[in-house]
């Protein structure tokens, strides 16, 4: 005999040998809503018999197995009854979209349109999302047209030959006043490092 069919197929059976519980989910956001736990009389009785059998060295082993067998047969009807009760408990928390037949919760249902948000998006929410997207694009375009760094990358890491302090593209060291930049030998034209007294190429004395 076919069992009970709940309002939605998007549910999970969380039942165990102690009782029955079910979780129904929204077809869009998959948020879950659990029904109240319904204790199983047969499951509790079988557990008690198993415990007594263990304590008394298996004396009631046959009775325990008989209870488990009865549980498997009768449990089908008990589960269907529990599922029906759980379905009636959770169903008021859901709405059925008449366009796509999805069962959705309050957050995924557009009450003004009588449809789910997939079939009839919330215009106010969509407008705010679009406005934020436009503002973000405008900010990116504005930032792309701005010069964020204007320093001389080529001079980064240069140090003064006299005091060792970092220098940029200045002509003189801001710490000790030593002239910076590349000079040339007046005799051979070779480049001279700041602070040298003689040309390293020809030996000419630097003025």
N, C-alpha and C. Protein backbone atom coordinates (compact mmCIF):
# COMPACT_ATOMS: atom_id res chain seq x y z
N UNK A 1 0.86 -1.20 0.00
CA UNK A 1 0.00 0.00 0.00
C UNK A 1 0.89 1.24 0.00
N UNK A 2 0.66 2.18 -0.89
CA UNK A 2 1.50 3.36 -0.97
C UNK A 2 1.43 4.19 0.30
N UNK A 3 2.57 4.82 0.67
CA UNK A 3 2.61 5.63 1.87
C UNK A 3 2.15 7.05 1.60
N UNK A 4 2.24 7.86 2.65
CA UNK A 4 1.79 9.25 2.55
C UNK A 4 2.79 10.06 1.73
N UNK A 5 2.28 10.95 0.88
CA UNK A 5 3.11 11.84 0.08
C UNK A 5 2.96 13.26 0.60
N UNK A 6 4.04 13.87 1.10
CA UNK A 6 3.94 15.23 1.65
C UNK A 6 3.76 16.28 0.56
N UNK A 7 3.60 17.53 0.98
CA UNK A 7 3.32 18.61 0.04
C UNK A 7 4.49 18.88 -0.90
N UNK A 8 5.72 18.56 -0.47
CA UNK A 8 6.90 18.76 -1.29
C UNK A 8 7.79 17.53 -1.21
N UNK A 9 8.51 17.27 -2.30
CA UNK A 9 9.45 16.14 -2.31
C UNK A 9 10.83 16.55 -1.80
N UNK A 10 11.00 17.84 -1.55
CA UNK A 10 12.28 18.35 -1.09
C UNK A 10 12.34 18.27 0.44
N UNK A 11 12.52 17.07 0.94
CA UNK A 11 12.61 16.88 2.39
C UNK A 11 13.56 15.74 2.70
N UNK A 12 14.01 15.67 3.96
CA UNK A 12 14.93 14.64 4.41
C UNK A 12 14.36 13.94 5.64
N UNK A 13 14.46 12.64 5.67
CA UNK A 13 13.98 11.84 6.79
C UNK A 13 15.10 11.75 7.83
N UNK A 14 14.90 12.34 8.99
CA UNK A 14 15.88 12.34 10.07
C UNK A 14 15.51 11.34 11.16
N UNK A 15 14.60 10.45 10.88
CA UNK A 15 14.11 9.50 11.88
C UNK A 15 15.19 8.50 12.28
N UNK A 16 15.06 7.97 13.49
CA UNK A 16 15.94 6.91 13.97
C UNK A 16 15.10 5.88 14.73
N UNK A 17 15.75 4.94 15.43
CA UNK A 17 14.99 3.90 16.12
C UNK A 17 14.27 4.42 17.36
N UNK A 18 14.51 5.67 17.71
CA UNK A 18 13.84 6.27 18.86
C UNK A 18 12.59 7.06 18.47
N UNK A 19 12.52 7.47 17.23
CA UNK A 19 11.36 8.26 16.82
C UNK A 19 11.50 8.84 15.42
N UNK A 20 10.63 9.79 15.10
CA UNK A 20 10.53 10.32 13.75
C UNK A 20 10.69 11.84 13.74
N UNK A 21 11.42 12.30 12.71
CA UNK A 21 11.58 13.74 12.50
C UNK A 21 11.94 13.96 11.04
N UNK A 22 11.44 15.06 10.48
CA UNK A 22 11.65 15.33 9.07
C UNK A 22 12.06 16.80 8.89
N UNK A 23 12.86 17.06 7.85
CA UNK A 23 13.28 18.42 7.54
C UNK A 23 12.84 18.76 6.12
N UNK A 24 12.05 19.82 5.98
CA UNK A 24 11.55 20.27 4.68
C UNK A 24 12.34 21.50 4.26
N UNK A 25 12.72 21.54 2.97
CA UNK A 25 13.59 22.62 2.49
C UNK A 25 12.91 23.45 1.40
N UNK A 26 13.29 24.74 1.39
CA UNK A 26 12.83 25.66 0.34
C UNK A 26 13.47 25.26 -0.98
N UNK A 27 12.69 25.27 -2.06
CA UNK A 27 13.21 24.86 -3.36
C UNK A 27 14.19 25.87 -3.97
N UNK A 28 14.26 27.08 -3.42
CA UNK A 28 15.18 28.09 -3.97
C UNK A 28 16.43 28.23 -3.11
N UNK A 29 16.26 28.61 -1.84
CA UNK A 29 17.42 28.86 -0.98
C UNK A 29 17.86 27.65 -0.18
N UNK A 30 17.06 26.59 -0.21
CA UNK A 30 17.37 25.34 0.49
C UNK A 30 17.41 25.49 2.02
N UNK A 31 16.76 26.52 2.56
CA UNK A 31 16.65 26.64 4.01
C UNK A 31 15.78 25.51 4.53
N UNK A 32 16.19 24.90 5.65
CA UNK A 32 15.48 23.75 6.17
C UNK A 32 14.65 24.06 7.40
N UNK A 33 13.51 23.40 7.53
CA UNK A 33 12.60 23.56 8.67
C UNK A 33 12.27 22.17 9.21
N UNK A 34 12.69 21.92 10.45
CA UNK A 34 12.51 20.59 11.05
C UNK A 34 11.20 20.50 11.82
N UNK A 35 10.58 19.35 11.68
CA UNK A 35 9.34 19.10 12.41
C UNK A 35 9.65 18.68 13.84
N UNK A 36 8.63 18.67 14.66
CA UNK A 36 8.80 18.25 16.05
C UNK A 36 9.11 16.75 16.10
N UNK A 37 10.01 16.36 16.99
CA UNK A 37 10.39 14.95 17.12
C UNK A 37 9.24 14.15 17.74
N UNK A 38 8.86 13.05 17.08
CA UNK A 38 7.79 12.18 17.55
C UNK A 38 8.41 10.86 18.00
N UNK A 39 8.31 10.55 19.27
CA UNK A 39 8.93 9.35 19.81
C UNK A 39 8.18 8.10 19.36
N UNK A 40 8.95 7.06 19.05
CA UNK A 40 8.39 5.79 18.60
C UNK A 40 8.23 4.84 19.79
N UNK A 41 7.02 4.37 20.03
CA UNK A 41 6.75 3.43 21.13
C UNK A 41 7.42 2.09 20.87
N UNK A 42 7.36 1.62 19.62
CA UNK A 42 7.97 0.33 19.29
C UNK A 42 9.48 0.39 19.42
N UNK A 43 10.07 1.50 18.98
CA UNK A 43 11.53 1.64 19.08
C UNK A 43 11.99 1.67 20.51
N UNK A 44 11.26 2.35 21.38
CA UNK A 44 11.61 2.42 22.79
C UNK A 44 11.49 1.04 23.44
N UNK A 45 10.42 0.29 23.09
CA UNK A 45 10.23 -1.04 23.65
C UNK A 45 11.33 -1.99 23.23
N UNK A 46 11.74 -1.94 21.98
CA UNK A 46 12.80 -2.81 21.49
C UNK A 46 14.11 -2.49 22.18
N UNK A 47 14.39 -1.20 22.41
CA UNK A 47 15.62 -0.80 23.09
C UNK A 47 15.64 -1.34 24.51
N UNK A 48 14.50 -1.28 25.20
CA UNK A 48 14.42 -1.79 26.58
C UNK A 48 14.66 -3.29 26.61
N UNK A 49 14.08 -4.04 25.65
CA UNK A 49 14.28 -5.49 25.60
C UNK A 49 15.72 -5.85 25.30
N UNK A 50 16.37 -5.07 24.42
CA UNK A 50 17.77 -5.32 24.10
C UNK A 50 18.64 -5.09 25.32
N UNK A 51 18.32 -4.04 26.10
CA UNK A 51 19.07 -3.77 27.31
C UNK A 51 18.90 -4.87 28.33
N UNK A 52 17.66 -5.36 28.49
CA UNK A 52 17.41 -6.45 29.44
C UNK A 52 18.10 -7.72 29.00
N UNK A 53 18.13 -7.99 27.70
CA UNK A 53 18.78 -9.19 27.18
C UNK A 53 20.28 -9.15 27.45
N UNK A 54 20.88 -7.94 27.31
CA UNK A 54 22.31 -7.79 27.56
C UNK A 54 22.63 -8.02 29.03
N UNK A 55 21.81 -7.50 29.92
CA UNK A 55 22.05 -7.62 31.36
C UNK A 55 21.90 -9.06 31.83
N UNK A 56 20.90 -9.77 31.29
CA UNK A 56 20.59 -11.13 31.74
C UNK A 56 21.24 -12.19 30.87
N UNK A 57 22.23 -11.80 30.12
CA UNK A 57 22.99 -12.79 29.37
C UNK A 57 22.26 -13.39 28.20
N UNK A 58 21.40 -12.64 27.56
CA UNK A 58 20.72 -13.11 26.35
C UNK A 58 19.48 -13.92 26.61
N UNK A 59 18.97 -13.89 27.80
CA UNK A 59 17.78 -14.67 28.13
C UNK A 59 16.57 -14.23 27.33
N UNK A 60 16.49 -12.90 27.08
CA UNK A 60 15.34 -12.36 26.33
C UNK A 60 15.71 -12.05 24.88
N UNK A 61 16.72 -12.77 24.37
CA UNK A 61 17.17 -12.50 22.99
C UNK A 61 16.05 -12.70 21.98
N UNK A 62 15.27 -13.78 22.20
CA UNK A 62 14.18 -14.06 21.28
C UNK A 62 13.11 -13.00 21.32
N UNK A 63 12.80 -12.51 22.50
CA UNK A 63 11.78 -11.46 22.64
C UNK A 63 12.25 -10.17 22.00
N UNK A 64 13.55 -9.87 22.13
CA UNK A 64 14.09 -8.65 21.53
C UNK A 64 14.02 -8.70 20.02
N UNK A 65 14.40 -9.83 19.45
CA UNK A 65 14.32 -9.98 17.99
C UNK A 65 12.88 -9.91 17.50
N UNK A 66 11.98 -10.48 18.27
CA UNK A 66 10.57 -10.44 17.89
C UNK A 66 10.07 -9.00 17.87
N UNK A 67 10.52 -8.21 18.85
CA UNK A 67 10.11 -6.81 18.90
C UNK A 67 10.66 -6.04 17.71
N UNK A 68 11.90 -6.34 17.33
CA UNK A 68 12.50 -5.66 16.18
C UNK A 68 11.78 -6.03 14.89
N UNK A 69 11.42 -7.30 14.76
CA UNK A 69 10.70 -7.74 13.57
C UNK A 69 9.34 -7.06 13.48
N UNK A 70 8.64 -6.99 14.62
CA UNK A 70 7.34 -6.32 14.64
C UNK A 70 7.50 -4.85 14.33
N UNK A 71 8.59 -4.29 14.79
CA UNK A 71 8.85 -2.86 14.55
C UNK A 71 9.00 -2.58 13.06
N UNK A 72 9.72 -3.47 12.35
CA UNK A 72 9.94 -3.26 10.92
C UNK A 72 8.63 -3.31 10.14
N UNK A 73 7.70 -4.15 10.58
CA UNK A 73 6.42 -4.27 9.88
C UNK A 73 5.49 -3.11 10.20
N UNK A 74 5.32 -2.86 11.50
CA UNK A 74 4.37 -1.84 11.93
C UNK A 74 4.93 -0.43 11.71
N UNK A 75 6.28 -0.32 11.68
CA UNK A 75 6.91 0.99 11.59
C UNK A 75 6.56 1.71 10.29
N UNK A 76 6.25 0.96 9.25
CA UNK A 76 5.91 1.61 7.98
C UNK A 76 4.69 2.51 8.14
N UNK A 77 3.67 1.98 8.79
CA UNK A 77 2.47 2.78 9.01
C UNK A 77 2.72 3.91 9.99
N UNK A 78 3.52 3.65 11.02
CA UNK A 78 3.82 4.68 12.01
C UNK A 78 4.63 5.82 11.39
N UNK A 79 5.56 5.46 10.49
CA UNK A 79 6.36 6.49 9.82
C UNK A 79 5.49 7.35 8.92
N UNK A 80 4.60 6.72 8.16
CA UNK A 80 3.71 7.47 7.28
C UNK A 80 2.83 8.43 8.08
N UNK A 81 2.36 7.96 9.21
CA UNK A 81 1.53 8.81 10.07
C UNK A 81 2.33 9.99 10.61
N UNK A 82 3.60 9.70 11.02
CA UNK A 82 4.47 10.77 11.53
C UNK A 82 4.81 11.76 10.42
N UNK A 83 5.04 11.25 9.19
CA UNK A 83 5.34 12.12 8.06
C UNK A 83 4.16 13.03 7.75
N UNK A 84 2.95 12.48 7.82
CA UNK A 84 1.75 13.29 7.58
C UNK A 84 1.61 14.38 8.63
N UNK A 85 1.88 14.04 9.88
CA UNK A 85 1.80 15.03 10.96
C UNK A 85 2.86 16.12 10.78
N UNK A 86 4.07 15.71 10.40
CA UNK A 86 5.16 16.68 10.18
C UNK A 86 4.84 17.58 8.99
N UNK A 87 4.28 17.00 7.94
CA UNK A 87 3.93 17.78 6.75
C UNK A 87 2.88 18.84 7.07
N UNK A 88 1.87 18.46 7.84
CA UNK A 88 0.82 19.41 8.23
C UNK A 88 1.38 20.50 9.15
N UNK A 89 2.42 20.15 9.92
CA UNK A 89 3.03 21.12 10.84
C UNK A 89 3.85 22.17 10.10
N UNK A 90 4.62 21.74 9.08
CA UNK A 90 5.56 22.63 8.39
C UNK A 90 4.95 23.33 7.18
N UNK A 91 3.95 22.75 6.57
CA UNK A 91 3.37 23.30 5.34
C UNK A 91 2.96 24.77 5.45
N UNK A 92 2.39 25.25 6.58
CA UNK A 92 2.02 26.68 6.66
C UNK A 92 3.20 27.64 6.54
N UNK A 93 4.42 27.13 6.67
CA UNK A 93 5.61 27.98 6.56
C UNK A 93 6.04 28.16 5.10
N UNK A 94 5.38 27.48 4.18
CA UNK A 94 5.76 27.50 2.77
C UNK A 94 4.64 28.06 1.90
N UNK A 95 5.03 28.50 0.71
CA UNK A 95 4.09 28.95 -0.31
C UNK A 95 4.40 28.22 -1.61
N UNK A 96 3.37 27.89 -2.37
CA UNK A 96 3.58 27.26 -3.67
C UNK A 96 3.45 28.29 -4.77
N UNK A 97 4.46 28.37 -5.60
CA UNK A 97 4.42 29.28 -6.75
C UNK A 97 3.53 28.66 -7.82
N UNK A 98 2.50 29.38 -8.23
CA UNK A 98 1.55 28.84 -9.20
C UNK A 98 2.13 28.82 -10.61
N UNK A 99 3.26 29.45 -10.81
CA UNK A 99 3.87 29.48 -12.14
C UNK A 99 4.83 28.31 -12.36
N UNK A 100 5.70 28.05 -11.37
CA UNK A 100 6.69 26.98 -11.52
C UNK A 100 6.46 25.80 -10.58
N UNK A 101 5.46 25.96 -9.66
CA UNK A 101 5.10 24.91 -8.70
C UNK A 101 6.17 24.63 -7.64
N UNK A 102 7.13 25.52 -7.49
CA UNK A 102 8.11 25.37 -6.43
C UNK A 102 7.48 25.73 -5.08
N UNK A 103 7.93 25.02 -4.04
CA UNK A 103 7.51 25.34 -2.68
C UNK A 103 8.64 26.14 -2.03
N UNK A 104 8.32 27.37 -1.62
CA UNK A 104 9.35 28.27 -1.10
C UNK A 104 8.91 28.86 0.23
N UNK A 105 9.89 29.32 1.03
CA UNK A 105 9.57 29.94 2.31
C UNK A 105 9.28 31.42 2.13
N UNK A 106 9.10 32.12 3.24
CA UNK A 106 8.70 33.54 3.20
C UNK A 106 9.73 34.41 2.47
N UNK A 107 11.02 34.13 2.69
CA UNK A 107 12.07 34.97 2.11
C UNK A 107 12.16 34.83 0.59
N UNK A 108 11.68 33.72 0.06
CA UNK A 108 11.78 33.48 -1.39
C UNK A 108 10.43 33.60 -2.09
N UNK A 109 9.49 34.27 -1.43
CA UNK A 109 8.16 34.41 -2.02
C UNK A 109 7.79 35.89 -2.13
N UNK A 110 7.38 36.31 -3.31
CA UNK A 110 6.94 37.67 -3.55
C UNK A 110 5.43 37.74 -3.32
N UNK A 111 5.04 38.22 -2.15
CA UNK A 111 3.62 38.24 -1.78
C UNK A 111 2.81 39.14 -2.69
N UNK A 112 3.38 40.25 -3.13
CA UNK A 112 2.65 41.17 -3.99
C UNK A 112 2.27 40.54 -5.32
N UNK A 113 3.14 39.67 -5.84
CA UNK A 113 2.89 39.02 -7.13
C UNK A 113 2.30 37.63 -6.99
N UNK A 114 2.39 37.05 -5.79
CA UNK A 114 1.88 35.70 -5.60
C UNK A 114 2.74 34.65 -6.26
N UNK A 115 4.01 34.97 -6.50
CA UNK A 115 4.94 34.06 -7.16
C UNK A 115 6.26 34.01 -6.38
N UNK A 116 7.07 33.00 -6.69
CA UNK A 116 8.39 32.94 -6.05
C UNK A 116 9.29 34.02 -6.65
N UNK A 117 10.40 34.30 -6.00
CA UNK A 117 11.27 35.39 -6.44
C UNK A 117 12.00 35.04 -7.74
N UNK A 118 12.04 33.77 -8.11
CA UNK A 118 12.63 33.41 -9.40
C UNK A 118 11.70 33.82 -10.55
N UNK A 119 10.40 33.68 -10.33
CA UNK A 119 9.42 34.03 -11.36
C UNK A 119 9.05 35.51 -11.32
N UNK A 120 9.09 36.10 -10.13
CA UNK A 120 8.75 37.52 -9.97
C UNK A 120 9.71 38.14 -8.95
N UNK A 121 10.89 38.57 -9.41
CA UNK A 121 11.87 39.16 -8.50
C UNK A 121 11.32 40.38 -7.77
N UNK A 122 11.81 40.59 -6.56
CA UNK A 122 11.42 41.76 -5.78
C UNK A 122 12.05 43.00 -6.41
N UNK A 123 11.21 43.88 -6.97
CA UNK A 123 11.72 45.03 -7.72
C UNK A 123 12.54 45.97 -6.86
N UNK A 124 12.12 46.19 -5.61
CA UNK A 124 12.87 47.09 -4.73
C UNK A 124 14.26 46.54 -4.46
N UNK A 125 14.36 45.26 -4.20
CA UNK A 125 15.66 44.64 -3.93
C UNK A 125 16.53 44.65 -5.19
N UNK A 126 15.92 44.36 -6.35
CA UNK A 126 16.67 44.37 -7.60
C UNK A 126 17.17 45.76 -7.95
N UNK A 127 16.35 46.78 -7.65
CA UNK A 127 16.75 48.16 -7.93
C UNK A 127 17.95 48.56 -7.09
N UNK A 128 17.93 48.20 -5.81
CA UNK A 128 19.06 48.52 -4.94
C UNK A 128 20.32 47.80 -5.37
N UNK A 129 20.18 46.54 -5.79
CA UNK A 129 21.33 45.78 -6.25
C UNK A 129 21.91 46.40 -7.52
N UNK A 130 21.03 46.84 -8.45
CA UNK A 130 21.49 47.47 -9.69
C UNK A 130 22.16 48.80 -9.40
N UNK A 131 21.59 49.58 -8.45
CA UNK A 131 22.17 50.86 -8.09
C UNK A 131 23.58 50.67 -7.52
N UNK A 132 23.75 49.68 -6.67
CA UNK A 132 25.06 49.41 -6.09
C UNK A 132 26.06 48.99 -7.16
N UNK A 133 25.59 48.20 -8.14
CA UNK A 133 26.46 47.77 -9.22
C UNK A 133 26.92 48.95 -10.08
N UNK A 134 25.99 49.89 -10.37
CA UNK A 134 26.34 51.08 -11.16
C UNK A 134 27.34 51.95 -10.40
N UNK A 135 27.11 52.16 -9.11
CA UNK A 135 28.02 52.97 -8.31
C UNK A 135 29.41 52.35 -8.24
N UNK A 136 29.46 51.03 -8.13
CA UNK A 136 30.75 50.34 -8.09
C UNK A 136 31.50 50.51 -9.39
N UNK A 137 30.80 50.40 -10.53
CA UNK A 137 31.45 50.59 -11.83
C UNK A 137 31.93 52.02 -12.00
N UNK A 138 31.13 53.00 -11.54
CA UNK A 138 31.53 54.40 -11.64
C UNK A 138 32.78 54.66 -10.81
N UNK A 139 32.85 54.07 -9.62
CA UNK A 139 34.02 54.23 -8.77
C UNK A 139 35.27 53.65 -9.44
N UNK A 140 35.12 52.48 -10.06
CA UNK A 140 36.27 51.85 -10.71
C UNK A 140 36.75 52.68 -11.89
N UNK A 141 35.81 53.25 -12.67
CA UNK A 141 36.20 54.08 -13.80
C UNK A 141 36.91 55.35 -13.33
N UNK A 142 36.43 55.92 -12.24
CA UNK A 142 37.05 57.13 -11.71
C UNK A 142 38.45 56.85 -11.19
N UNK A 143 38.62 55.73 -10.50
CA UNK A 143 39.93 55.37 -9.98
C UNK A 143 40.91 55.03 -11.09
N UNK A 144 40.40 54.45 -12.19
CA UNK A 144 41.27 54.10 -13.30
C UNK A 144 41.85 55.34 -13.98
N UNK A 145 41.15 56.48 -13.91
CA UNK A 145 41.62 57.71 -14.53
C UNK A 145 42.50 58.55 -13.62
N UNK A 146 42.74 58.09 -12.41
CA UNK A 146 43.57 58.85 -11.48
C UNK A 146 44.97 58.27 -11.43
N UNK A 147 45.97 59.18 -11.21
CA UNK A 147 47.35 58.76 -11.03
C UNK A 147 47.58 58.55 -9.54
N UNK A 148 47.70 57.31 -9.14
CA UNK A 148 47.83 56.99 -7.73
C UNK A 148 49.25 57.20 -7.24
N UNK A 149 50.29 56.87 -8.06
CA UNK A 149 51.69 57.00 -7.64
C UNK A 149 52.46 57.82 -8.66
N UNK A 150 53.16 58.84 -8.19
CA UNK A 150 53.89 59.74 -9.09
C UNK A 150 55.38 59.78 -8.77
N UNK A 151 55.86 58.87 -7.95
CA UNK A 151 57.28 58.87 -7.59
C UNK A 151 58.16 58.33 -8.70
N UNK A 152 59.46 58.48 -8.52
CA UNK A 152 60.44 58.01 -9.49
C UNK A 152 60.84 56.59 -9.11
N UNK A 153 60.31 55.63 -9.82
CA UNK A 153 60.58 54.24 -9.50
C UNK A 153 62.05 53.90 -9.71
N UNK A 154 62.67 54.52 -10.68
CA UNK A 154 64.06 54.21 -11.01
C UNK A 154 65.02 54.57 -9.89
N UNK A 155 64.66 55.51 -9.03
CA UNK A 155 65.57 55.96 -7.98
C UNK A 155 65.32 55.27 -6.65
N UNK A 156 64.33 54.34 -6.60
CA UNK A 156 64.01 53.68 -5.35
C UNK A 156 65.18 52.80 -4.93
N UNK A 157 65.60 52.88 -3.68
CA UNK A 157 66.69 52.08 -3.17
C UNK A 157 68.05 52.76 -3.28
N UNK A 158 68.14 53.98 -3.90
CA UNK A 158 69.41 54.71 -4.03
C UNK A 158 69.80 55.31 -2.69
N UNK A 159 71.08 55.22 -2.37
CA UNK A 159 71.57 55.77 -1.11
C UNK A 159 72.64 56.83 -1.37
N UNK A 160 72.75 57.73 -0.41
CA UNK A 160 73.77 58.78 -0.49
C UNK A 160 75.15 58.13 -0.30
N UNK A 161 76.13 58.41 -1.18
CA UNK A 161 77.47 57.80 -1.05
C UNK A 161 78.23 58.28 0.17
N UNK A 162 77.77 59.38 0.77
CA UNK A 162 78.49 59.95 1.91
C UNK A 162 77.92 59.45 3.25
N UNK A 163 76.57 59.58 3.44
CA UNK A 163 75.97 59.21 4.74
C UNK A 163 75.15 57.93 4.70
N UNK A 164 74.86 57.43 3.50
CA UNK A 164 74.11 56.19 3.40
C UNK A 164 72.61 56.31 3.53
N UNK A 165 72.08 57.50 3.67
CA UNK A 165 70.63 57.70 3.80
C UNK A 165 69.95 57.54 2.44
N UNK A 166 68.72 57.04 2.42
CA UNK A 166 67.99 56.91 1.15
C UNK A 166 67.76 58.26 0.50
N UNK A 167 67.92 58.28 -0.83
CA UNK A 167 67.68 59.51 -1.58
C UNK A 167 66.81 59.20 -2.78
N UNK A 168 66.16 60.22 -3.31
CA UNK A 168 65.31 60.05 -4.48
C UNK A 168 65.98 60.64 -5.70
N UNK A 169 65.24 61.54 -6.37
CA UNK A 169 65.79 62.15 -7.59
C UNK A 169 66.36 63.53 -7.32
N UNK A 170 66.61 63.84 -6.02
CA UNK A 170 67.17 65.15 -5.69
C UNK A 170 68.61 65.28 -6.17
N UNK A 171 69.07 66.53 -6.31
CA UNK A 171 70.44 66.80 -6.73
C UNK A 171 71.40 66.79 -5.56
N UNK A 172 70.87 67.00 -4.35
CA UNK A 172 71.71 67.00 -3.15
C UNK A 172 71.04 66.13 -2.09
N UNK A 173 71.85 65.46 -1.26
CA UNK A 173 71.32 64.65 -0.17
C UNK A 173 70.63 65.53 0.85
N UNK A 174 69.40 65.18 1.22
CA UNK A 174 68.64 65.99 2.17
C UNK A 174 69.17 65.84 3.58
N UNK A 175 70.05 64.86 3.82
CA UNK A 175 70.58 64.64 5.17
C UNK A 175 71.93 65.32 5.41
N UNK A 176 72.85 65.18 4.42
CA UNK A 176 74.19 65.75 4.61
C UNK A 176 74.58 66.79 3.57
N UNK A 177 73.77 66.94 2.51
CA UNK A 177 74.05 67.96 1.50
C UNK A 177 75.00 67.52 0.41
N UNK A 178 75.42 66.26 0.39
CA UNK A 178 76.35 65.78 -0.63
C UNK A 178 75.70 65.85 -2.01
N UNK A 179 76.42 66.38 -3.02
CA UNK A 179 75.87 66.43 -4.38
C UNK A 179 75.58 65.03 -4.90
N UNK A 180 74.46 64.88 -5.56
CA UNK A 180 74.05 63.60 -6.10
C UNK A 180 74.00 63.66 -7.62
N UNK A 181 73.77 62.57 -8.24
CA UNK A 181 73.71 62.53 -9.69
C UNK A 181 75.01 61.99 -10.26
N UNK A 182 75.07 61.85 -11.55
CA UNK A 182 76.23 61.27 -12.23
C UNK A 182 77.06 62.38 -12.87
N UNK A 183 78.32 62.47 -12.45
CA UNK A 183 79.26 63.44 -13.03
C UNK A 183 80.16 62.72 -14.03
N UNK A 184 80.86 63.51 -14.87
CA UNK A 184 81.77 62.94 -15.86
C UNK A 184 83.17 63.50 -15.69
N UNK A 185 84.12 62.63 -16.00
CA UNK A 185 85.53 63.04 -15.89
C UNK A 185 85.83 64.09 -16.95
N UNK A 186 86.53 65.17 -16.52
CA UNK A 186 86.83 66.25 -17.46
C UNK A 186 87.88 65.87 -18.47
N UNK A 187 88.60 64.77 -18.26
CA UNK A 187 89.67 64.37 -19.17
C UNK A 187 89.22 63.30 -20.16
N UNK A 188 88.62 62.20 -19.61
CA UNK A 188 88.25 61.09 -20.51
C UNK A 188 86.75 60.97 -20.75
N UNK A 189 85.95 61.69 -19.97
CA UNK A 189 84.50 61.65 -20.16
C UNK A 189 83.80 60.48 -19.49
N UNK A 190 84.54 59.68 -18.73
CA UNK A 190 83.92 58.55 -18.04
C UNK A 190 83.00 59.05 -16.92
N UNK A 191 81.92 58.28 -16.64
CA UNK A 191 81.00 58.65 -15.57
C UNK A 191 81.66 58.43 -14.22
N UNK A 192 81.39 59.38 -13.33
CA UNK A 192 82.00 59.35 -12.01
C UNK A 192 80.93 59.19 -10.93
N UNK A 193 81.16 58.31 -10.00
CA UNK A 193 80.25 58.16 -8.87
C UNK A 193 80.49 59.28 -7.88
N UNK A 194 79.41 59.81 -7.32
CA UNK A 194 79.53 60.92 -6.38
C UNK A 194 80.43 60.54 -5.21
N UNK A 195 81.34 61.46 -4.85
CA UNK A 195 82.22 61.25 -3.70
C UNK A 195 83.63 60.81 -4.08
N UNK A 196 83.87 60.43 -5.39
CA UNK A 196 85.20 59.99 -5.80
C UNK A 196 86.14 61.19 -5.96
N UNK A 197 87.42 60.97 -5.64
CA UNK A 197 88.43 62.04 -5.78
C UNK A 197 89.25 61.89 -7.05
N UNK A 198 89.28 60.68 -7.59
CA UNK A 198 90.04 60.42 -8.83
C UNK A 198 89.19 59.58 -9.77
N UNK A 199 89.35 59.78 -11.07
CA UNK A 199 88.63 59.03 -12.08
C UNK A 199 89.11 57.59 -12.07
N UNK A 200 88.19 56.66 -12.02
CA UNK A 200 88.56 55.25 -12.02
C UNK A 200 89.00 54.75 -13.39
N UNK A 201 88.86 55.57 -14.45
CA UNK A 201 89.22 55.13 -15.79
C UNK A 201 90.58 55.62 -16.22
N UNK A 202 90.86 56.90 -15.89
CA UNK A 202 92.13 57.47 -16.32
C UNK A 202 92.98 58.00 -15.16
N UNK A 203 92.44 58.06 -13.96
CA UNK A 203 93.21 58.52 -12.80
C UNK A 203 93.24 60.02 -12.64
N UNK A 204 92.49 60.72 -13.48
CA UNK A 204 92.48 62.17 -13.39
C UNK A 204 91.82 62.61 -12.10
N UNK A 205 92.36 63.66 -11.49
CA UNK A 205 91.82 64.17 -10.23
C UNK A 205 90.50 64.88 -10.50
N UNK A 206 89.51 64.50 -9.71
CA UNK A 206 88.20 65.09 -9.88
C UNK A 206 88.13 66.43 -9.16
N UNK A 207 87.62 67.44 -9.85
CA UNK A 207 87.55 68.77 -9.28
C UNK A 207 86.49 68.78 -8.18
